[in-house]
Amino acid sequence: MKPPYQDSTSLRQAVIGACLEMNAAGINQGTSGNISVRAGDHMLITPSGVPYDQMAPEMLVKMPLDGSEAPAGQLKPSTEWPFHLAILQAKPAVNAVVHAHPVYCSALAMNRQAIPACHYLVAAFGGSDVPVADYALFGSRQLSENITRALQTRSACLMANHGAVTTGESLPRALWRMVELETLAKGYAASLTLGKPHILSEDEMAEVIAAFADYGLKDSR
């Protein structure tokens, strides 16, 4: 399935499949994560508190991207819907947002510690580091503002004392970035126990960022 997405049973099923894949990969636990996709002039987002293996396509919540009231008769959306909406509004090229609480990403976020250019894969997220969005209460407008600020020139960020969020031009791309981000966080955390990791220079990272234009999954997926 390629973006631009339109609301359909197959798109809704793809979101549920991504949720199940996220938990199977160990990058999320229970129902703490949430996923949204752009569907025309609406957002589809996972409902609040529903186990992924019990989720059905009709349970996903459809919300207007202009911020107007969602249609009645739906389940309650994830409590994190405000920042999903804010990201999709602020970044028109983004078609999917993945939020989770991966253990190593969350550990760094607890220390409010950004991931520097300790590995060339940092470039997969748009720059020479993965920043930490400032802390605010979950579901709050302030958290939405903090996250969209951190994502201005990035496709992922950590969330202080919380977890992580990744974005993508497609749903597979956003999920791929979350898996890569947790792998990177785990490697960085391990390197800190061995000593002081060497940080790649700005010139070295600029070279990698340029090379990343054609790296990994195709944006059309």
N, C-alpha and C. Protein backbone atom coordinates (compact mmCIF):
# COMPACT_ATOMS: atom_id res chain seq x y z
N MET A 1 0.85 -1.20 0.00
CA MET A 1 0.00 0.00 0.00
C MET A 1 0.88 1.24 0.00
N LYS A 2 0.62 2.14 -0.95
CA LYS A 2 1.45 3.33 -1.10
C LYS A 2 0.66 4.59 -0.73
N PRO A 3 1.34 5.56 -0.09
CA PRO A 3 0.68 6.85 0.14
C PRO A 3 0.57 7.62 -1.17
N PRO A 4 -0.35 8.60 -1.28
CA PRO A 4 -1.22 9.08 -0.20
C PRO A 4 -2.30 8.07 0.15
N TYR A 5 -2.52 7.91 1.45
CA TYR A 5 -3.49 6.94 1.93
C TYR A 5 -4.90 7.53 1.95
N GLN A 6 -5.87 6.66 1.74
CA GLN A 6 -7.28 6.99 1.94
C GLN A 6 -7.86 5.97 2.91
N ASP A 7 -8.83 6.40 3.68
CA ASP A 7 -9.44 5.51 4.66
C ASP A 7 -10.00 4.27 3.97
N SER A 8 -9.62 3.12 4.47
CA SER A 8 -10.10 1.85 3.94
C SER A 8 -9.86 0.77 4.98
N THR A 9 -10.54 -0.34 4.81
CA THR A 9 -10.33 -1.47 5.72
C THR A 9 -8.89 -1.95 5.65
N SER A 10 -8.31 -1.97 4.46
CA SER A 10 -6.94 -2.45 4.32
C SER A 10 -5.95 -1.53 5.01
N LEU A 11 -6.17 -0.21 4.96
CA LEU A 11 -5.29 0.72 5.67
C LEU A 11 -5.42 0.53 7.18
N ARG A 12 -6.65 0.41 7.65
CA ARG A 12 -6.87 0.21 9.08
C ARG A 12 -6.23 -1.10 9.54
N GLN A 13 -6.33 -2.14 8.73
CA GLN A 13 -5.71 -3.41 9.08
C GLN A 13 -4.19 -3.29 9.09
N ALA A 14 -3.64 -2.48 8.19
CA ALA A 14 -2.20 -2.26 8.16
C ALA A 14 -1.71 -1.59 9.44
N VAL A 15 -2.50 -0.67 9.97
CA VAL A 15 -2.15 -0.01 11.23
C VAL A 15 -2.14 -1.03 12.37
N ILE A 16 -3.15 -1.87 12.42
CA ILE A 16 -3.20 -2.91 13.46
C ILE A 16 -2.01 -3.86 13.31
N GLY A 17 -1.71 -4.23 12.06
CA GLY A 17 -0.56 -5.10 11.83
C GLY A 17 0.73 -4.47 12.29
N ALA A 18 0.89 -3.15 12.10
CA ALA A 18 2.09 -2.46 12.55
C ALA A 18 2.17 -2.45 14.08
N CYS A 19 1.03 -2.30 14.74
CA CYS A 19 1.01 -2.35 16.21
C CYS A 19 1.46 -3.73 16.71
N LEU A 20 0.94 -4.77 16.09
CA LEU A 20 1.30 -6.13 16.48
C LEU A 20 2.79 -6.38 16.22
N GLU A 21 3.27 -5.88 15.10
CA GLU A 21 4.69 -6.04 14.76
C GLU A 21 5.58 -5.29 15.75
N MET A 22 5.13 -4.13 16.17
CA MET A 22 5.87 -3.32 17.14
C MET A 22 6.05 -4.07 18.46
N ASN A 23 4.99 -4.69 18.95
CA ASN A 23 5.09 -5.44 20.20
C ASN A 23 5.88 -6.72 20.03
N ALA A 24 5.71 -7.39 18.88
CA ALA A 24 6.45 -8.63 18.63
C ALA A 24 7.95 -8.37 18.56
N ALA A 25 8.33 -7.18 18.08
CA ALA A 25 9.75 -6.82 17.97
C ALA A 25 10.33 -6.38 19.31
N GLY A 26 9.48 -6.25 20.33
CA GLY A 26 9.95 -5.87 21.65
C GLY A 26 10.21 -4.39 21.83
N ILE A 27 9.70 -3.56 20.90
CA ILE A 27 9.93 -2.13 21.04
C ILE A 27 8.76 -1.41 21.71
N ASN A 28 7.76 -2.19 22.11
CA ASN A 28 6.65 -1.62 22.87
C ASN A 28 6.08 -2.71 23.77
N GLN A 29 5.38 -2.28 24.81
CA GLN A 29 4.80 -3.22 25.76
C GLN A 29 3.33 -2.88 25.96
N GLY A 30 2.50 -3.91 25.90
CA GLY A 30 1.08 -3.70 26.15
C GLY A 30 0.46 -2.74 25.16
N THR A 31 -0.33 -1.79 25.68
CA THR A 31 -1.01 -0.82 24.81
C THR A 31 -0.43 0.59 24.99
N SER A 32 0.81 0.67 25.48
CA SER A 32 1.40 1.98 25.76
C SER A 32 1.74 2.75 24.50
N GLY A 33 1.94 2.06 23.38
CA GLY A 33 2.26 2.74 22.13
C GLY A 33 1.01 3.08 21.35
N ASN A 34 1.17 3.89 20.31
CA ASN A 34 0.06 4.25 19.45
C ASN A 34 0.58 4.64 18.08
N ILE A 35 -0.27 4.45 17.08
CA ILE A 35 0.11 4.72 15.69
C ILE A 35 -1.00 5.50 15.01
N SER A 36 -0.60 6.44 14.18
CA SER A 36 -1.57 7.18 13.38
C SER A 36 -1.10 7.24 11.93
N VAL A 37 -2.06 7.42 11.02
CA VAL A 37 -1.74 7.61 9.61
C VAL A 37 -2.61 8.73 9.06
N ARG A 38 -2.07 9.44 8.07
CA ARG A 38 -2.84 10.43 7.35
C ARG A 38 -3.72 9.71 6.33
N ALA A 39 -5.01 9.99 6.34
CA ALA A 39 -5.96 9.37 5.41
C ALA A 39 -6.79 10.48 4.79
N GLY A 40 -6.33 10.99 3.64
CA GLY A 40 -7.01 12.12 3.05
C GLY A 40 -6.92 13.33 3.95
N ASP A 41 -8.05 13.95 4.26
CA ASP A 41 -8.05 15.10 5.16
C ASP A 41 -8.40 14.71 6.59
N HIS A 42 -8.18 13.43 6.91
CA HIS A 42 -8.39 12.91 8.26
C HIS A 42 -7.17 12.17 8.77
N MET A 43 -7.17 11.90 10.05
CA MET A 43 -6.17 11.07 10.69
C MET A 43 -6.87 9.83 11.25
N LEU A 44 -6.29 8.67 11.01
CA LEU A 44 -6.73 7.45 11.68
C LEU A 44 -5.73 7.15 12.80
N ILE A 45 -6.23 6.92 13.99
CA ILE A 45 -5.35 6.65 15.13
C ILE A 45 -5.92 5.51 15.96
N THR A 46 -5.03 4.78 16.60
CA THR A 46 -5.44 3.65 17.43
C THR A 46 -6.24 4.15 18.64
N PRO A 47 -7.23 3.38 19.07
CA PRO A 47 -8.05 3.78 20.21
C PRO A 47 -7.29 3.60 21.53
N SER A 48 -7.81 4.21 22.56
CA SER A 48 -7.18 4.15 23.87
C SER A 48 -7.47 2.83 24.58
N GLY A 49 -6.41 2.18 25.06
CA GLY A 49 -6.55 1.05 25.96
C GLY A 49 -7.03 -0.25 25.36
N VAL A 50 -7.06 -0.38 24.05
CA VAL A 50 -7.52 -1.62 23.42
C VAL A 50 -6.31 -2.49 23.08
N PRO A 51 -6.22 -3.72 23.62
CA PRO A 51 -5.10 -4.61 23.26
C PRO A 51 -5.04 -4.81 21.76
N TYR A 52 -3.84 -4.80 21.21
CA TYR A 52 -3.70 -4.87 19.76
C TYR A 52 -4.28 -6.15 19.18
N ASP A 53 -4.16 -7.26 19.92
CA ASP A 53 -4.67 -8.52 19.37
C ASP A 53 -6.19 -8.61 19.45
N GLN A 54 -6.83 -7.60 20.07
CA GLN A 54 -8.28 -7.54 20.11
C GLN A 54 -8.84 -6.39 19.26
N MET A 55 -7.94 -5.68 18.58
CA MET A 55 -8.35 -4.51 17.82
C MET A 55 -8.89 -4.93 16.45
N ALA A 56 -9.98 -4.32 16.04
CA ALA A 56 -10.58 -4.56 14.72
C ALA A 56 -10.52 -3.27 13.93
N PRO A 57 -10.52 -3.35 12.61
CA PRO A 57 -10.40 -2.15 11.78
C PRO A 57 -11.38 -1.03 12.14
N GLU A 58 -12.61 -1.40 12.45
CA GLU A 58 -13.61 -0.37 12.74
C GLU A 58 -13.36 0.34 14.07
N MET A 59 -12.44 -0.17 14.88
CA MET A 59 -12.14 0.46 16.16
C MET A 59 -11.20 1.65 16.03
N LEU A 60 -10.46 1.74 14.93
CA LEU A 60 -9.59 2.90 14.76
C LEU A 60 -10.43 4.17 14.71
N VAL A 61 -9.89 5.23 15.26
CA VAL A 61 -10.64 6.48 15.39
C VAL A 61 -10.27 7.44 14.27
N LYS A 62 -11.28 7.98 13.61
CA LYS A 62 -11.08 8.90 12.50
C LYS A 62 -11.31 10.33 12.99
N MET A 63 -10.28 11.16 12.80
CA MET A 63 -10.33 12.54 13.30
C MET A 63 -9.95 13.51 12.19
N PRO A 64 -10.67 14.63 12.04
CA PRO A 64 -10.34 15.61 11.00
C PRO A 64 -8.97 16.25 11.26
N LEU A 65 -8.20 16.44 10.21
CA LEU A 65 -6.87 17.05 10.36
C LEU A 65 -6.95 18.54 10.66
N ASP A 66 -8.11 19.14 10.42
CA ASP A 66 -8.23 20.57 10.72
C ASP A 66 -8.51 20.84 12.19
N GLY A 67 -8.57 19.77 13.00
CA GLY A 67 -8.76 19.93 14.43
C GLY A 67 -10.20 20.06 14.86
N SER A 68 -11.14 19.97 13.92
CA SER A 68 -12.55 20.05 14.30
C SER A 68 -12.98 18.77 15.00
N GLU A 69 -14.18 18.77 15.51
CA GLU A 69 -14.67 17.65 16.32
C GLU A 69 -14.76 16.36 15.51
N ALA A 70 -14.32 15.28 16.13
CA ALA A 70 -14.37 13.97 15.48
C ALA A 70 -15.81 13.48 15.41
N PRO A 71 -16.13 12.68 14.39
CA PRO A 71 -17.48 12.13 14.28
C PRO A 71 -17.86 11.35 15.55
N ALA A 72 -19.12 11.44 15.93
CA ALA A 72 -19.61 10.75 17.12
C ALA A 72 -19.71 9.25 16.88
N GLY A 73 -19.86 8.50 17.97
CA GLY A 73 -20.07 7.07 17.88
C GLY A 73 -18.81 6.25 17.74
N GLN A 74 -17.65 6.86 17.97
CA GLN A 74 -16.39 6.14 17.88
C GLN A 74 -15.82 5.86 19.27
N LEU A 75 -14.84 4.97 19.32
CA LEU A 75 -14.13 4.76 20.57
C LEU A 75 -13.30 5.99 20.90
N LYS A 76 -12.84 6.05 22.13
CA LYS A 76 -11.97 7.15 22.56
C LYS A 76 -10.60 7.00 21.91
N PRO A 77 -10.06 8.05 21.29
CA PRO A 77 -8.74 7.93 20.67
C PRO A 77 -7.63 7.82 21.71
N SER A 78 -6.48 7.39 21.30
CA SER A 78 -5.32 7.38 22.19
C SER A 78 -5.18 8.72 22.89
N THR A 79 -4.76 8.70 24.14
CA THR A 79 -4.58 9.95 24.87
C THR A 79 -3.49 10.82 24.24
N GLU A 80 -2.66 10.22 23.39
CA GLU A 80 -1.59 10.98 22.74
C GLU A 80 -2.02 11.57 21.40
N TRP A 81 -3.32 11.53 21.08
CA TRP A 81 -3.77 12.03 19.78
C TRP A 81 -3.36 13.47 19.51
N PRO A 82 -3.27 14.36 20.54
CA PRO A 82 -2.91 15.75 20.21
C PRO A 82 -1.56 15.89 19.51
N PHE A 83 -0.54 15.13 19.95
CA PHE A 83 0.74 15.33 19.27
C PHE A 83 0.79 14.62 17.92
N HIS A 84 0.04 13.54 17.75
CA HIS A 84 -0.06 12.92 16.43
C HIS A 84 -0.66 13.94 15.45
N LEU A 85 -1.74 14.58 15.85
CA LEU A 85 -2.39 15.56 15.00
C LEU A 85 -1.47 16.74 14.71
N ALA A 86 -0.76 17.20 15.74
CA ALA A 86 0.14 18.34 15.58
C ALA A 86 1.26 18.03 14.58
N ILE A 87 1.80 16.82 14.65
CA ILE A 87 2.87 16.43 13.72
C ILE A 87 2.35 16.40 12.30
N LEU A 88 1.19 15.77 12.08
CA LEU A 88 0.63 15.67 10.73
C LEU A 88 0.26 17.05 10.18
N GLN A 89 -0.17 17.94 11.04
CA GLN A 89 -0.47 19.30 10.61
C GLN A 89 0.80 20.07 10.23
N ALA A 90 1.86 19.87 11.03
CA ALA A 90 3.09 20.64 10.84
C ALA A 90 3.97 20.10 9.71
N LYS A 91 3.82 18.80 9.39
CA LYS A 91 4.72 18.18 8.42
C LYS A 91 3.90 17.49 7.32
N PRO A 92 3.55 18.20 6.28
CA PRO A 92 2.69 17.63 5.23
C PRO A 92 3.27 16.40 4.54
N ALA A 93 4.58 16.24 4.54
CA ALA A 93 5.20 15.08 3.89
C ALA A 93 5.11 13.82 4.74
N VAL A 94 4.73 13.97 6.00
CA VAL A 94 4.61 12.82 6.90
C VAL A 94 3.23 12.18 6.75
N ASN A 95 3.21 10.88 6.56
CA ASN A 95 1.95 10.14 6.42
C ASN A 95 1.70 9.14 7.55
N ALA A 96 2.69 8.99 8.45
CA ALA A 96 2.51 8.04 9.56
C ALA A 96 3.35 8.48 10.74
N VAL A 97 2.81 8.26 11.93
CA VAL A 97 3.50 8.59 13.19
C VAL A 97 3.43 7.37 14.10
N VAL A 98 4.57 6.98 14.64
CA VAL A 98 4.65 5.84 15.55
C VAL A 98 5.19 6.33 16.89
N HIS A 99 4.49 6.00 17.96
CA HIS A 99 4.93 6.33 19.31
C HIS A 99 5.02 5.05 20.13
N ALA A 100 6.10 4.91 20.89
CA ALA A 100 6.28 3.71 21.71
C ALA A 100 7.17 4.04 22.90
N HIS A 101 7.30 3.05 23.77
CA HIS A 101 8.17 3.17 24.94
C HIS A 101 9.27 2.11 24.90
N PRO A 102 10.13 2.13 23.88
CA PRO A 102 11.22 1.15 23.83
C PRO A 102 12.13 1.33 25.04
N VAL A 103 12.64 0.24 25.56
CA VAL A 103 13.37 0.29 26.84
C VAL A 103 14.59 1.21 26.77
N TYR A 104 15.43 1.06 25.76
CA TYR A 104 16.65 1.85 25.72
C TYR A 104 16.38 3.30 25.33
N CYS A 105 15.46 3.53 24.42
CA CYS A 105 15.06 4.90 24.13
C CYS A 105 14.51 5.57 25.38
N SER A 106 13.68 4.84 26.12
CA SER A 106 13.09 5.40 27.33
C SER A 106 14.14 5.66 28.40
N ALA A 107 15.14 4.77 28.49
CA ALA A 107 16.21 4.97 29.48
C ALA A 107 16.98 6.25 29.19
N LEU A 108 17.34 6.47 27.93
CA LEU A 108 18.03 7.71 27.57
C LEU A 108 17.12 8.91 27.81
N ALA A 109 15.82 8.75 27.50
CA ALA A 109 14.87 9.84 27.71
C ALA A 109 14.73 10.17 29.20
N MET A 110 14.84 9.16 30.05
CA MET A 110 14.79 9.40 31.49
C MET A 110 15.98 10.25 31.94
N ASN A 111 17.11 10.09 31.28
CA ASN A 111 18.30 10.89 31.57
C ASN A 111 18.31 12.20 30.78
N ARG A 112 17.29 12.38 29.94
CA ARG A 112 17.21 13.55 29.05
C ARG A 112 18.49 13.69 28.23
N GLN A 113 18.87 12.56 27.67
CA GLN A 113 20.15 12.44 26.97
C GLN A 113 19.89 12.18 25.49
N ALA A 114 20.24 13.14 24.64
CA ALA A 114 20.10 12.98 23.20
C ALA A 114 21.09 11.94 22.69
N ILE A 115 20.81 11.38 21.51
CA ILE A 115 21.74 10.45 20.89
C ILE A 115 22.61 11.23 19.92
N PRO A 116 23.91 11.34 20.19
CA PRO A 116 24.80 12.09 19.30
C PRO A 116 25.21 11.25 18.09
N ALA A 117 26.11 11.78 17.29
CA ALA A 117 26.57 11.08 16.08
C ALA A 117 27.57 9.99 16.44
N CYS A 118 27.09 9.05 17.26
CA CYS A 118 27.94 7.94 17.71
C CYS A 118 27.98 6.81 16.69
N HIS A 119 27.09 6.85 15.72
CA HIS A 119 26.98 5.81 14.69
C HIS A 119 26.40 6.49 13.45
N TYR A 120 26.82 6.02 12.29
CA TYR A 120 26.35 6.68 11.08
C TYR A 120 24.83 6.59 10.90
N LEU A 121 24.17 5.58 11.53
CA LEU A 121 22.72 5.43 11.37
C LEU A 121 21.93 6.58 12.00
N VAL A 122 22.59 7.42 12.78
CA VAL A 122 21.91 8.61 13.29
C VAL A 122 21.37 9.43 12.11
N ALA A 123 22.05 9.35 10.98
CA ALA A 123 21.63 10.11 9.80
C ALA A 123 20.28 9.68 9.27
N ALA A 124 19.83 8.49 9.64
CA ALA A 124 18.52 8.00 9.19
C ALA A 124 17.38 8.86 9.73
N PHE A 125 17.69 9.72 10.70
CA PHE A 125 16.66 10.52 11.34
C PHE A 125 16.77 12.00 10.99
N GLY A 126 17.60 12.30 9.96
CA GLY A 126 17.58 13.63 9.39
C GLY A 126 18.66 14.59 9.80
N GLY A 127 19.58 14.16 10.66
CA GLY A 127 20.61 15.09 11.10
C GLY A 127 21.74 14.39 11.82
N SER A 128 22.50 15.15 12.59
CA SER A 128 23.66 14.60 13.26
C SER A 128 23.39 14.22 14.72
N ASP A 129 22.12 14.22 15.11
CA ASP A 129 21.75 13.71 16.43
C ASP A 129 20.27 13.36 16.43
N VAL A 130 19.85 12.68 17.48
CA VAL A 130 18.41 12.46 17.72
C VAL A 130 18.10 13.23 18.99
N PRO A 131 17.36 14.33 18.89
CA PRO A 131 17.13 15.20 20.04
C PRO A 131 16.12 14.65 21.04
N VAL A 132 16.07 15.29 22.19
CA VAL A 132 15.09 14.97 23.22
C VAL A 132 14.08 16.10 23.32
N ALA A 133 12.82 15.80 23.10
CA ALA A 133 11.77 16.81 23.29
C ALA A 133 11.60 17.07 24.78
N ASP A 134 11.41 18.33 25.15
CA ASP A 134 11.23 18.69 26.56
C ASP A 134 10.02 17.98 27.16
N TYR A 135 10.07 17.77 28.46
CA TYR A 135 8.99 17.07 29.15
C TYR A 135 7.74 17.93 29.27
N ALA A 136 6.60 17.31 29.14
CA ALA A 136 5.30 17.90 29.48
C ALA A 136 4.34 16.74 29.71
N LEU A 137 3.24 17.01 30.37
CA LEU A 137 2.25 15.98 30.68
C LEU A 137 1.75 15.30 29.41
N PHE A 138 1.60 13.98 29.46
CA PHE A 138 1.10 13.26 28.29
C PHE A 138 -0.27 13.80 27.90
N GLY A 139 -0.48 13.89 26.58
CA GLY A 139 -1.75 14.37 26.07
C GLY A 139 -1.93 15.88 26.11
N SER A 140 -0.93 16.61 26.59
CA SER A 140 -1.08 18.06 26.73
C SER A 140 -0.69 18.81 25.47
N ARG A 141 -1.19 20.04 25.35
CA ARG A 141 -0.81 20.91 24.23
C ARG A 141 0.67 21.22 24.29
N GLN A 142 1.20 21.40 25.51
CA GLN A 142 2.62 21.71 25.64
C GLN A 142 3.48 20.57 25.11
N LEU A 143 3.08 19.33 25.36
CA LEU A 143 3.84 18.20 24.84
C LEU A 143 3.82 18.21 23.32
N SER A 144 2.67 18.50 22.73
CA SER A 144 2.57 18.59 21.27
C SER A 144 3.54 19.63 20.73
N GLU A 145 3.60 20.79 21.38
CA GLU A 145 4.50 21.86 20.95
C GLU A 145 5.96 21.44 21.09
N ASN A 146 6.27 20.77 22.19
CA ASN A 146 7.66 20.34 22.42
C ASN A 146 8.11 19.33 21.37
N ILE A 147 7.22 18.40 21.03
CA ILE A 147 7.58 17.36 20.07
C ILE A 147 7.71 17.93 18.66
N THR A 148 6.76 18.76 18.24
CA THR A 148 6.85 19.32 16.90
C THR A 148 8.08 20.21 16.77
N ARG A 149 8.47 20.87 17.83
CA ARG A 149 9.71 21.67 17.80
C ARG A 149 10.92 20.77 17.61
N ALA A 150 10.97 19.67 18.34
CA ALA A 150 12.11 18.74 18.24
C ALA A 150 12.18 18.09 16.86
N LEU A 151 11.02 17.95 16.21
CA LEU A 151 10.96 17.27 14.91
C LEU A 151 11.04 18.21 13.71
N GLN A 152 11.33 19.48 13.95
CA GLN A 152 11.36 20.44 12.85
C GLN A 152 12.26 19.98 11.72
N THR A 153 13.45 19.48 12.06
CA THR A 153 14.40 19.03 11.03
C THR A 153 14.77 17.56 11.24
N ARG A 154 13.94 16.83 11.94
CA ARG A 154 14.22 15.43 12.23
C ARG A 154 12.98 14.58 11.96
N SER A 155 13.20 13.29 11.78
CA SER A 155 12.09 12.36 11.60
C SER A 155 11.84 11.53 12.86
N ALA A 156 12.59 11.81 13.92
CA ALA A 156 12.42 11.08 15.18
C ALA A 156 12.96 11.91 16.33
N CYS A 157 12.43 11.65 17.51
CA CYS A 157 12.99 12.26 18.72
C CYS A 157 12.67 11.37 19.91
N LEU A 158 13.45 11.56 20.95
CA LEU A 158 13.12 10.98 22.25
C LEU A 158 12.21 11.96 22.96
N MET A 159 11.50 11.50 23.97
CA MET A 159 10.58 12.33 24.72
C MET A 159 10.97 12.25 26.19
N ALA A 160 11.39 13.35 26.75
CA ALA A 160 11.92 13.37 28.11
C ALA A 160 11.01 12.63 29.09
N ASN A 161 11.61 11.68 29.84
CA ASN A 161 10.89 10.91 30.86
C ASN A 161 9.64 10.22 30.31
N HIS A 162 9.73 9.78 29.05
CA HIS A 162 8.53 9.22 28.42
C HIS A 162 8.90 8.09 27.47
N GLY A 163 9.27 8.40 26.24
CA GLY A 163 9.53 7.35 25.25
C GLY A 163 10.12 7.93 23.99
N ALA A 164 9.56 7.55 22.84
CA ALA A 164 10.09 8.00 21.56
C ALA A 164 8.98 8.12 20.54
N VAL A 165 9.23 8.93 19.51
CA VAL A 165 8.29 9.06 18.41
C VAL A 165 9.07 9.11 17.10
N THR A 166 8.57 8.40 16.10
CA THR A 166 9.17 8.44 14.77
C THR A 166 8.09 8.77 13.75
N THR A 167 8.52 9.33 12.64
CA THR A 167 7.59 9.69 11.57
C THR A 167 8.09 9.07 10.27
N GLY A 168 7.19 9.02 9.29
CA GLY A 168 7.59 8.46 8.01
C GLY A 168 6.72 8.92 6.87
N GLU A 169 7.29 8.87 5.68
CA GLU A 169 6.55 9.16 4.47
C GLU A 169 5.53 8.07 4.19
N SER A 170 5.73 6.92 4.84
CA SER A 170 4.80 5.80 4.76
C SER A 170 4.77 5.11 6.11
N LEU A 171 3.78 4.25 6.32
CA LEU A 171 3.70 3.51 7.57
C LEU A 171 4.88 2.57 7.77
N PRO A 172 5.28 1.78 6.75
CA PRO A 172 6.47 0.93 6.95
C PRO A 172 7.72 1.73 7.29
N ARG A 173 7.85 2.91 6.68
CA ARG A 173 9.03 3.75 6.95
C ARG A 173 9.06 4.21 8.39
N ALA A 174 7.93 4.66 8.92
CA ALA A 174 7.87 5.12 10.30
C ALA A 174 8.17 3.98 11.27
N LEU A 175 7.63 2.80 11.00
CA LEU A 175 7.88 1.65 11.87
C LEU A 175 9.34 1.23 11.79
N TRP A 176 9.91 1.22 10.58
CA TRP A 176 11.33 0.89 10.40
C TRP A 176 12.20 1.83 11.22
N ARG A 177 11.85 3.11 11.21
CA ARG A 177 12.66 4.07 11.97
C ARG A 177 12.58 3.80 13.47
N MET A 178 11.42 3.37 13.98
CA MET A 178 11.32 3.09 15.40
C MET A 178 12.20 1.90 15.78
N VAL A 179 12.20 0.86 14.96
CA VAL A 179 13.06 -0.30 15.22
C VAL A 179 14.53 0.13 15.18
N GLU A 180 14.92 0.91 14.18
CA GLU A 180 16.30 1.37 14.07
C GLU A 180 16.67 2.28 15.23
N LEU A 181 15.75 3.12 15.67
CA LEU A 181 16.03 4.04 16.76
C LEU A 181 16.32 3.29 18.05
N GLU A 182 15.51 2.26 18.34
CA GLU A 182 15.75 1.48 19.56
C GLU A 182 17.07 0.71 19.47
N THR A 183 17.40 0.18 18.29
CA THR A 183 18.68 -0.50 18.11
C THR A 183 19.84 0.46 18.34
N LEU A 184 19.71 1.66 17.81
CA LEU A 184 20.74 2.69 17.99
C LEU A 184 20.87 3.08 19.46
N ALA A 185 19.74 3.27 20.14
CA ALA A 185 19.76 3.64 21.56
C ALA A 185 20.42 2.56 22.39
N LYS A 186 20.14 1.31 22.06
CA LYS A 186 20.75 0.19 22.79
C LYS A 186 22.26 0.19 22.60
N GLY A 187 22.71 0.40 21.36
CA GLY A 187 24.14 0.44 21.09
C GLY A 187 24.82 1.60 21.79
N TYR A 188 24.18 2.77 21.77
CA TYR A 188 24.77 3.93 22.43
C TYR A 188 24.85 3.72 23.94
N ALA A 189 23.78 3.18 24.53
CA ALA A 189 23.80 2.91 25.97
C ALA A 189 24.91 1.92 26.33
N ALA A 190 25.09 0.89 25.49
CA ALA A 190 26.16 -0.08 25.75
C ALA A 190 27.53 0.56 25.63
N SER A 191 27.69 1.46 24.64
CA SER A 191 29.00 2.10 24.45
C SER A 191 29.38 2.96 25.65
N LEU A 192 28.37 3.55 26.30
CA LEU A 192 28.66 4.39 27.47
C LEU A 192 29.18 3.57 28.64
N THR A 193 28.84 2.29 28.71
CA THR A 193 29.34 1.44 29.79
C THR A 193 30.78 1.00 29.55
N LEU A 194 31.24 1.12 28.31
CA LEU A 194 32.60 0.68 27.95
C LEU A 194 33.60 1.82 27.97
N GLY A 195 33.11 3.03 28.00
CA GLY A 195 34.01 4.18 27.96
C GLY A 195 33.30 5.36 27.34
N LYS A 196 34.05 6.17 26.60
CA LYS A 196 33.49 7.35 25.95
C LYS A 196 33.42 7.10 24.45
N PRO A 197 32.21 7.01 23.89
CA PRO A 197 32.09 6.72 22.45
C PRO A 197 32.68 7.86 21.61
N HIS A 198 33.29 7.49 20.50
CA HIS A 198 33.81 8.49 19.57
C HIS A 198 32.65 9.04 18.75
N ILE A 199 32.60 10.35 18.62
CA ILE A 199 31.52 11.01 17.91
C ILE A 199 32.01 11.43 16.52
N LEU A 200 31.24 11.05 15.50
CA LEU A 200 31.60 11.42 14.14
C LEU A 200 31.54 12.94 13.96
N SER A 201 32.41 13.45 13.10
CA SER A 201 32.48 14.90 12.88
C SER A 201 31.30 15.37 12.03
N GLU A 202 31.11 16.69 11.99
CA GLU A 202 30.05 17.26 11.17
C GLU A 202 30.26 16.93 9.69
N ASP A 203 31.53 16.98 9.25
CA ASP A 203 31.83 16.65 7.85
C ASP A 203 31.50 15.19 7.55
N GLU A 204 31.85 14.30 8.47
CA GLU A 204 31.56 12.88 8.27
C GLU A 204 30.06 12.64 8.23
N MET A 205 29.33 13.32 9.12
CA MET A 205 27.88 13.13 9.14
C MET A 205 27.21 13.75 7.92
N ALA A 206 27.73 14.88 7.44
CA ALA A 206 27.16 15.49 6.24
C ALA A 206 27.27 14.54 5.05
N GLU A 207 28.38 13.82 4.99
CA GLU A 207 28.58 12.85 3.91
C GLU A 207 27.57 11.71 4.01
N VAL A 208 27.34 11.25 5.24
CA VAL A 208 26.39 10.16 5.44
C VAL A 208 24.96 10.61 5.16
N ILE A 209 24.61 11.81 5.62
CA ILE A 209 23.26 12.32 5.41
C ILE A 209 22.95 12.40 3.91
N ALA A 210 23.92 12.85 3.13
CA ALA A 210 23.74 12.91 1.68
C ALA A 210 23.53 11.52 1.09
N ALA A 211 24.26 10.53 1.63
CA ALA A 211 24.15 9.16 1.13
C ALA A 211 22.82 8.53 1.52
N PHE A 212 22.20 9.03 2.59
CA PHE A 212 20.95 8.45 3.08
C PHE A 212 19.75 8.77 2.20
N ALA A 213 19.93 9.62 1.19
CA ALA A 213 18.81 9.95 0.31
C ALA A 213 18.22 8.70 -0.35
N ASP A 214 19.04 7.70 -0.56
CA ASP A 214 18.58 6.46 -1.23
C ASP A 214 18.77 5.22 -0.34
N TYR A 215 18.79 5.42 0.98
CA TYR A 215 19.09 4.31 1.89
C TYR A 215 17.80 3.66 2.41
N GLY A 216 17.84 2.35 2.58
CA GLY A 216 16.78 1.64 3.30
C GLY A 216 15.51 1.49 2.49
N LEU A 217 14.39 1.52 3.16
CA LEU A 217 13.09 1.35 2.51
C LEU A 217 12.80 2.50 1.57
N LYS A 218 12.16 2.20 0.48
CA LYS A 218 11.74 3.22 -0.44
C LYS A 218 10.55 3.98 0.14
N ASP A 219 10.55 5.29 -0.02
CA ASP A 219 9.47 6.11 0.54
C ASP A 219 8.12 5.77 -0.05
N SER A 220 8.11 5.14 -1.24
CA SER A 220 6.85 4.82 -1.89
C SER A 220 6.16 3.61 -1.28
N ARG A 221 6.86 2.90 -0.38
CA ARG A 221 6.25 1.69 0.20
C ARG A 221 5.13 2.06 1.14
